[in-house]
Amino acid sequence: MRGDLGCVVPIGLAAGCASKPSARMADSAPKTETPATHTSVSGSGHEFAPATEDTVAERLPEDIQEINRRGYLRDSFFDFDFHAVRPDQREVLARDAAWLEGWETVKVRIESHCDERGAARYNLPLGEKRAGEDLEYLKSPGIDPSRIEMVSHTKERPFESGHDEGAWTQNRRDHLLVVAR
């Protein structure tokens, strides 16, 4: 357990840090898209090509903060009270997976966040389930799960400070952060 109410979840453990969430959380969405080295994501019509081995050393900054500042990885967003990957977020995760395929030494953390509604004992496992859904999606094309760690921050680190649906929509997210190169 972390002092900020976050919980680092080892790969393979999906829950256990707080009480059981309600049945409203959605069942896992089928993971049919499988991005590969240069792949069209099923049904999307888009192709994503990760960096090649030849360009890794010359294009990826040495500084991890600079890598994260540049925003190579994108956040994925969730509906209220659900943990299933939304259809409109599958392309985001496909791009993230393709990027990770091209940078095989990079390790990332999925930092899951909830909006301000709900108690920490509810939001913590909800965030864990959301991070777990993104993890499953990212490792589906063959990304080694040992490269990905997860943490649920519940609601204590909002991206938007407002108290309305506009802010809540931005705060229900998984933030992917490069932690090692």
C-alpha atoms as a PDB file:
ATOM      1  CA  MET A   1       0.000   0.000   0.000  1.00  0.00           C
ATOM      2  CA  ARG A   2       1.182   3.479  -0.778  1.00  0.00           C
ATOM      3  CA  GLY A   3       0.753   6.419   1.560  1.00  0.00           C
ATOM      4  CA  ASP A   4      -1.406   8.286  -0.974  1.00  0.00           C
ATOM      5  CA  LEU A   5      -4.117   5.602  -0.889  1.00  0.00           C
ATOM      6  CA  GLY A   6      -2.779   4.216  -4.180  1.00  0.00           C
ATOM      7  CA  CYS A   7      -2.076   0.554  -4.498  1.00  0.00           C
ATOM      8  CA  VAL A   8       0.637  -0.904  -6.700  1.00  0.00           C
ATOM      9  CA  VAL A   9      -0.757  -4.093  -8.149  1.00  0.00           C
ATOM     10  CA  PRO A  10       1.669  -6.808  -9.243  1.00  0.00           C
ATOM     11  CA  ILE A  11       0.878  -8.403 -12.582  1.00  0.00           C
ATOM     12  CA  GLY A  12      -1.518 -11.287 -12.062  1.00  0.00           C
ATOM     13  CA  LEU A  13      -3.266  -9.818  -9.030  1.00  0.00           C
ATOM     14  CA  ALA A  14      -6.421  -7.976  -9.987  1.00  0.00           C
ATOM     15  CA  ALA A  15      -8.015  -7.117  -6.670  1.00  0.00           C
ATOM     16  CA  GLY A  16      -7.669  -7.450  -2.946  1.00  0.00           C
ATOM     17  CA  CYS A  17      -6.704  -3.942  -1.893  1.00  0.00           C
ATOM     18  CA  ALA A  18     -10.212  -2.858  -0.945  1.00  0.00           C
ATOM     19  CA  SER A  19     -13.806  -3.997  -0.675  1.00  0.00           C
ATOM     20  CA  LYS A  20     -15.655  -5.562  -3.578  1.00  0.00           C
ATOM     21  CA  PRO A  21     -17.070  -3.044  -6.108  1.00  0.00           C
ATOM     22  CA  SER A  22     -20.705  -3.067  -7.116  1.00  0.00           C
ATOM     23  CA  ALA A  23     -22.101  -5.189  -9.919  1.00  0.00           C
ATOM     24  CA  ARG A  24     -22.494  -2.076 -12.102  1.00  0.00           C
ATOM     25  CA  MET A  25     -18.919  -2.372 -13.299  1.00  0.00           C
ATOM     26  CA  ALA A  26     -19.056  -3.712 -16.853  1.00  0.00           C
ATOM     27  CA  ASP A  27     -17.811  -7.125 -17.863  1.00  0.00           C
ATOM     28  CA  SER A  28     -14.639  -7.215 -19.892  1.00  0.00           C
ATOM     29  CA  ALA A  29     -15.068  -6.182 -23.500  1.00  0.00           C
ATOM     30  CA  PRO A  30     -13.809  -8.699 -26.047  1.00  0.00           C
ATOM     31  CA  LYS A  31     -10.274  -7.984 -27.141  1.00  0.00           C
ATOM     32  CA  THR A  32     -10.418  -8.637 -30.869  1.00  0.00           C
ATOM     33  CA  GLU A  33      -7.888  -6.109 -32.084  1.00  0.00           C
ATOM     34  CA  THR A  34      -4.320  -7.347 -32.078  1.00  0.00           C
ATOM     35  CA  PRO A  35      -1.839  -4.754 -33.283  1.00  0.00           C
ATOM     36  CA  ALA A  36       1.447  -6.114 -34.588  1.00  0.00           C
ATOM     37  CA  THR A  37       4.605  -4.649 -36.050  1.00  0.00           C
ATOM     38  CA  HIS A  38       2.710  -2.948 -38.888  1.00  0.00           C
ATOM     39  CA  THR A  39      -0.913  -3.828 -38.501  1.00  0.00           C
ATOM     40  CA  SER A  40      -4.368  -2.666 -39.324  1.00  0.00           C
ATOM     41  CA  VAL A  41      -6.500  -2.704 -36.200  1.00  0.00           C
ATOM     42  CA  SER A  42      -9.538  -4.874 -36.922  1.00  0.00           C
ATOM     43  CA  GLY A  43     -12.378  -2.829 -38.271  1.00  0.00           C
ATOM     44  CA  SER A  44     -10.672   0.532 -37.747  1.00  0.00           C
ATOM     45  CA  GLY A  45      -9.086   0.998 -41.174  1.00  0.00           C
ATOM     46  CA  HIS A  46      -6.007   2.499 -39.474  1.00  0.00           C
ATOM     47  CA  GLU A  47      -2.481   1.147 -39.542  1.00  0.00           C
ATOM     48  CA  PHE A  48       0.066   1.742 -36.814  1.00  0.00           C
ATOM     49  CA  ALA A  49       3.769   1.230 -37.380  1.00  0.00           C
ATOM     50  CA  PRO A  50       6.056   1.353 -34.361  1.00  0.00           C
ATOM     51  CA  ALA A  51       9.627   2.535 -34.542  1.00  0.00           C
ATOM     52  CA  THR A  52      12.120   0.077 -35.992  1.00  0.00           C
ATOM     53  CA  GLU A  53      15.263  -1.240 -34.325  1.00  0.00           C
ATOM     54  CA  ASP A  54      17.326   1.078 -36.573  1.00  0.00           C
ATOM     55  CA  THR A  55      15.682   4.219 -35.219  1.00  0.00           C
ATOM     56  CA  VAL A  56      15.369   3.384 -31.509  1.00  0.00           C
ATOM     57  CA  ALA A  57      18.710   4.834 -30.359  1.00  0.00           C
ATOM     58  CA  GLU A  58      18.496   8.007 -32.422  1.00  0.00           C
ATOM     59  CA  ARG A  59      14.881   9.035 -31.787  1.00  0.00           C
ATOM     60  CA  LEU A  60      13.942   8.178 -28.212  1.00  0.00           C
ATOM     61  CA  PRO A  61      15.271  10.707 -25.677  1.00  0.00           C
ATOM     62  CA  GLU A  62      17.502   9.397 -22.902  1.00  0.00           C
ATOM     63  CA  ASP A  63      15.619  11.387 -20.263  1.00  0.00           C
ATOM     64  CA  ILE A  64      12.464   9.598 -19.083  1.00  0.00           C
ATOM     65  CA  GLN A  65      10.805  12.888 -18.132  1.00  0.00           C
ATOM     66  CA  GLU A  66      11.356  14.125 -21.673  1.00  0.00           C
ATOM     67  CA  ILE A  67       9.850  10.937 -23.104  1.00  0.00           C
ATOM     68  CA  ASN A  68       6.749  11.463 -20.968  1.00  0.00           C
ATOM     69  CA  ARG A  69       6.610  15.173 -21.774  1.00  0.00           C
ATOM     70  CA  ARG A  70       6.520  14.387 -25.478  1.00  0.00           C
ATOM     71  CA  GLY A  71       3.399  12.277 -24.968  1.00  0.00           C
ATOM     72  CA  TYR A  72       4.223   9.195 -27.012  1.00  0.00           C
ATOM     73  CA  LEU A  73       1.692   7.268 -24.933  1.00  0.00           C
ATOM     74  CA  ARG A  74      -1.904   8.428 -24.608  1.00  0.00           C
ATOM     75  CA  ASP A  75      -4.403   8.235 -21.759  1.00  0.00           C
ATOM     76  CA  SER A  76      -7.431   5.999 -22.097  1.00  0.00           C
ATOM     77  CA  PHE A  77     -10.770   7.123 -20.696  1.00  0.00           C
ATOM     78  CA  PHE A  78     -13.662   5.248 -19.098  1.00  0.00           C
ATOM     79  CA  ASP A  79     -17.384   5.646 -18.636  1.00  0.00           C
ATOM     80  CA  PHE A  80     -18.777   6.377 -15.179  1.00  0.00           C
ATOM     81  CA  ASP A  81     -18.850   3.300 -12.943  1.00  0.00           C
ATOM     82  CA  PHE A  82     -17.432   0.975 -15.643  1.00  0.00           C
ATOM     83  CA  HIS A  83     -14.045  -0.626 -16.198  1.00  0.00           C
ATOM     84  CA  ALA A  84     -14.443  -2.065 -19.712  1.00  0.00           C
ATOM     85  CA  VAL A  85     -12.349  -0.511 -22.474  1.00  0.00           C
ATOM     86  CA  ARG A  86     -14.640   1.775 -24.458  1.00  0.00           C
ATOM     87  CA  PRO A  87     -14.800   1.125 -28.213  1.00  0.00           C
ATOM     88  CA  ASP A  88     -13.493   4.638 -28.917  1.00  0.00           C
ATOM     89  CA  GLN A  89     -10.443   3.956 -26.715  1.00  0.00           C
ATOM     90  CA  ARG A  90      -9.330   0.761 -28.485  1.00  0.00           C
ATOM     91  CA  GLU A  91      -7.493   2.755 -31.152  1.00  0.00           C
ATOM     92  CA  VAL A  92      -5.667   4.704 -28.431  1.00  0.00           C
ATOM     93  CA  LEU A  93      -4.541   1.464 -26.799  1.00  0.00           C
ATOM     94  CA  ALA A  94      -3.629  -0.041 -30.185  1.00  0.00           C
ATOM     95  CA  ARG A  95      -1.335   2.925 -30.815  1.00  0.00           C
ATOM     96  CA  ASP A  96       0.188   2.567 -27.346  1.00  0.00           C
ATOM     97  CA  ALA A  97       0.765  -1.165 -27.914  1.00  0.00           C
ATOM     98  CA  ALA A  98       2.337  -0.513 -31.326  1.00  0.00           C
ATOM     99  CA  TRP A  99       4.655   2.084 -29.776  1.00  0.00           C
ATOM    100  CA  LEU A 100       5.654  -0.351 -27.016  1.00  0.00           C
ATOM    101  CA  GLU A 101       6.382  -3.030 -29.612  1.00  0.00           C
ATOM    102  CA  GLY A 102       8.886  -0.728 -31.271  1.00  0.00           C
ATOM    103  CA  TRP A 103      10.618   0.216 -28.022  1.00  0.00           C
ATOM    104  CA  GLU A 104      11.196  -3.190 -26.438  1.00  0.00           C
ATOM    105  CA  THR A 105      13.286  -1.923 -23.504  1.00  0.00           C
ATOM    106  CA  VAL A 106      10.721   0.627 -22.327  1.00  0.00           C
ATOM    107  CA  LYS A 107       8.789  -0.141 -19.147  1.00  0.00           C
ATOM    108  CA  VAL A 108       5.556   1.651 -18.303  1.00  0.00           C
ATOM    109  CA  ARG A 109       3.164   2.203 -15.431  1.00  0.00           C
ATOM    110  CA  ILE A 110      -0.583   2.356 -15.902  1.00  0.00           C
ATOM    111  CA  GLU A 111      -1.789   4.921 -13.372  1.00  0.00           C
ATOM    112  CA  SER A 112      -5.529   4.571 -13.005  1.00  0.00           C
ATOM    113  CA  HIS A 113      -7.628   7.509 -11.818  1.00  0.00           C
ATOM    114  CA  CYS A 114     -11.301   7.894 -10.912  1.00  0.00           C
ATOM    115  CA  ASP A 115     -13.468  10.986 -10.704  1.00  0.00           C
ATOM    116  CA  GLU A 116     -14.242  12.562  -7.338  1.00  0.00           C
ATOM    117  CA  ARG A 117     -17.473  10.661  -6.831  1.00  0.00           C
ATOM    118  CA  GLY A 118     -17.353   7.485  -4.798  1.00  0.00           C
ATOM    119  CA  ALA A 119     -15.411   6.475  -1.724  1.00  0.00           C
ATOM    120  CA  ALA A 120     -11.787   5.348  -1.939  1.00  0.00           C
ATOM    121  CA  ARG A 121     -12.816   1.809  -0.927  1.00  0.00           C
ATOM    122  CA  TYR A 122     -14.958   1.667  -4.071  1.00  0.00           C
ATOM    123  CA  ASN A 123     -12.726   3.652  -6.442  1.00  0.00           C
ATOM    124  CA  LEU A 124      -9.522   1.753  -5.598  1.00  0.00           C
ATOM    125  CA  PRO A 125     -10.702  -1.625  -6.960  1.00  0.00           C
ATOM    126  CA  LEU A 126     -12.482   0.126  -9.834  1.00  0.00           C
ATOM    127  CA  GLY A 127      -9.169   1.742 -10.809  1.00  0.00           C
ATOM    128  CA  GLU A 128      -7.406  -1.623 -10.457  1.00  0.00           C
ATOM    129  CA  LYS A 129      -9.924  -3.218 -12.815  1.00  0.00           C
ATOM    130  CA  ARG A 130      -9.515  -0.386 -15.325  1.00  0.00           C
ATOM    131  CA  ALA A 131      -5.739  -0.712 -15.263  1.00  0.00           C
ATOM    132  CA  GLY A 132      -6.118  -4.477 -15.623  1.00  0.00           C
ATOM    133  CA  GLU A 133      -8.285  -4.033 -18.715  1.00  0.00           C
ATOM    134  CA  ASP A 134      -5.683  -1.764 -20.304  1.00  0.00           C
ATOM    135  CA  LEU A 135      -2.915  -4.205 -19.338  1.00  0.00           C
ATOM    136  CA  GLU A 136      -4.761  -7.076 -21.022  1.00  0.00           C
ATOM    137  CA  TYR A 137      -5.257  -5.000 -24.143  1.00  0.00           C
ATOM    138  CA  LEU A 138      -1.612  -3.873 -24.259  1.00  0.00           C
ATOM    139  CA  LYS A 139      -0.191  -7.365 -23.808  1.00  0.00           C
ATOM    140  CA  SER A 140      -2.527  -8.964 -26.378  1.00  0.00           C
ATOM    141  CA  PRO A 141      -0.137  -8.339 -29.322  1.00  0.00           C
ATOM    142  CA  GLY A 142       2.703  -9.937 -27.372  1.00  0.00           C
ATOM    143  CA  ILE A 143       3.988  -7.165 -25.101  1.00  0.00           C
ATOM    144  CA  ASP A 144       5.748  -8.790 -22.151  1.00  0.00           C
ATOM    145  CA  PRO A 145       3.587  -8.051 -19.078  1.00  0.00           C
ATOM    146  CA  SER A 146       6.705  -7.717 -16.919  1.00  0.00           C
ATOM    147  CA  ARG A 147       7.240  -4.378 -18.707  1.00  0.00           C
ATOM    148  CA  ILE A 148       3.969  -3.009 -17.306  1.00  0.00           C
ATOM    149  CA  GLU A 149       3.100  -2.161 -13.713  1.00  0.00           C
ATOM    150  CA  MET A 150      -0.204  -0.825 -12.450  1.00  0.00           C
ATOM    151  CA  VAL A 151      -1.294   1.547  -9.706  1.00  0.00           C
ATOM    152  CA  SER A 152      -4.715   2.852  -8.703  1.00  0.00           C
ATOM    153  CA  HIS A 153      -4.722   6.427  -7.413  1.00  0.00           C
ATOM    154  CA  THR A 154      -8.515   6.601  -6.971  1.00  0.00           C
ATOM    155  CA  LYS A 155      -9.532  10.272  -6.983  1.00  0.00           C
ATOM    156  CA  GLU A 156      -6.678  12.071  -5.214  1.00  0.00           C
ATOM    157  CA  ARG A 157      -4.832  13.169  -8.383  1.00  0.00           C
ATOM    158  CA  PRO A 158      -7.426  14.802 -10.644  1.00  0.00           C
ATOM    159  CA  PHE A 159      -6.411  15.993 -14.104  1.00  0.00           C
ATOM    160  CA  GLU A 160      -9.266  18.523 -14.162  1.00  0.00           C
ATOM    161  CA  SER A 161     -10.200  20.379 -10.980  1.00  0.00           C
ATOM    162  CA  GLY A 162     -13.866  21.082 -11.752  1.00  0.00           C
ATOM    163  CA  HIS A 163     -16.861  19.457 -10.094  1.00  0.00           C
ATOM    164  CA  ASP A 164     -18.994  18.706 -13.127  1.00  0.00           C
ATOM    165  CA  GLU A 165     -19.321  16.079 -15.860  1.00  0.00           C
ATOM    166  CA  GLY A 166     -16.730  17.834 -18.033  1.00  0.00           C
ATOM    167  CA  ALA A 167     -14.081  17.466 -15.332  1.00  0.00           C
ATOM    168  CA  TRP A 168     -15.227  14.005 -14.242  1.00  0.00           C
ATOM    169  CA  THR A 169     -14.949  12.739 -17.824  1.00  0.00           C
ATOM    170  CA  GLN A 170     -11.287  13.825 -17.931  1.00  0.00           C
ATOM    171  CA  ASN A 171     -10.543  12.336 -14.510  1.00  0.00           C
ATOM    172  CA  ARG A 172     -11.826   8.809 -15.305  1.00  0.00           C
ATOM    173  CA  ARG A 173      -8.640   7.763 -17.041  1.00  0.00           C
ATOM    174  CA  ASP A 174      -5.657   5.476 -17.154  1.00  0.00           C
ATOM    175  CA  HIS A 175      -2.459   7.439 -17.625  1.00  0.00           C
ATOM    176  CA  LEU A 176       0.440   5.561 -19.224  1.00  0.00           C
ATOM    177  CA  LEU A 177       3.799   6.723 -18.010  1.00  0.00           C
ATOM    178  CA  VAL A 178       7.248   5.559 -19.082  1.00  0.00           C
ATOM    179  CA  VAL A 179       9.197   4.541 -15.960  1.00  0.00           C
ATOM    180  CA  ALA A 180      12.319   2.952 -17.496  1.00  0.00           C
ATOM    181  CA  ARG A 181      14.036   3.002 -20.842  1.00  0.00           C
END
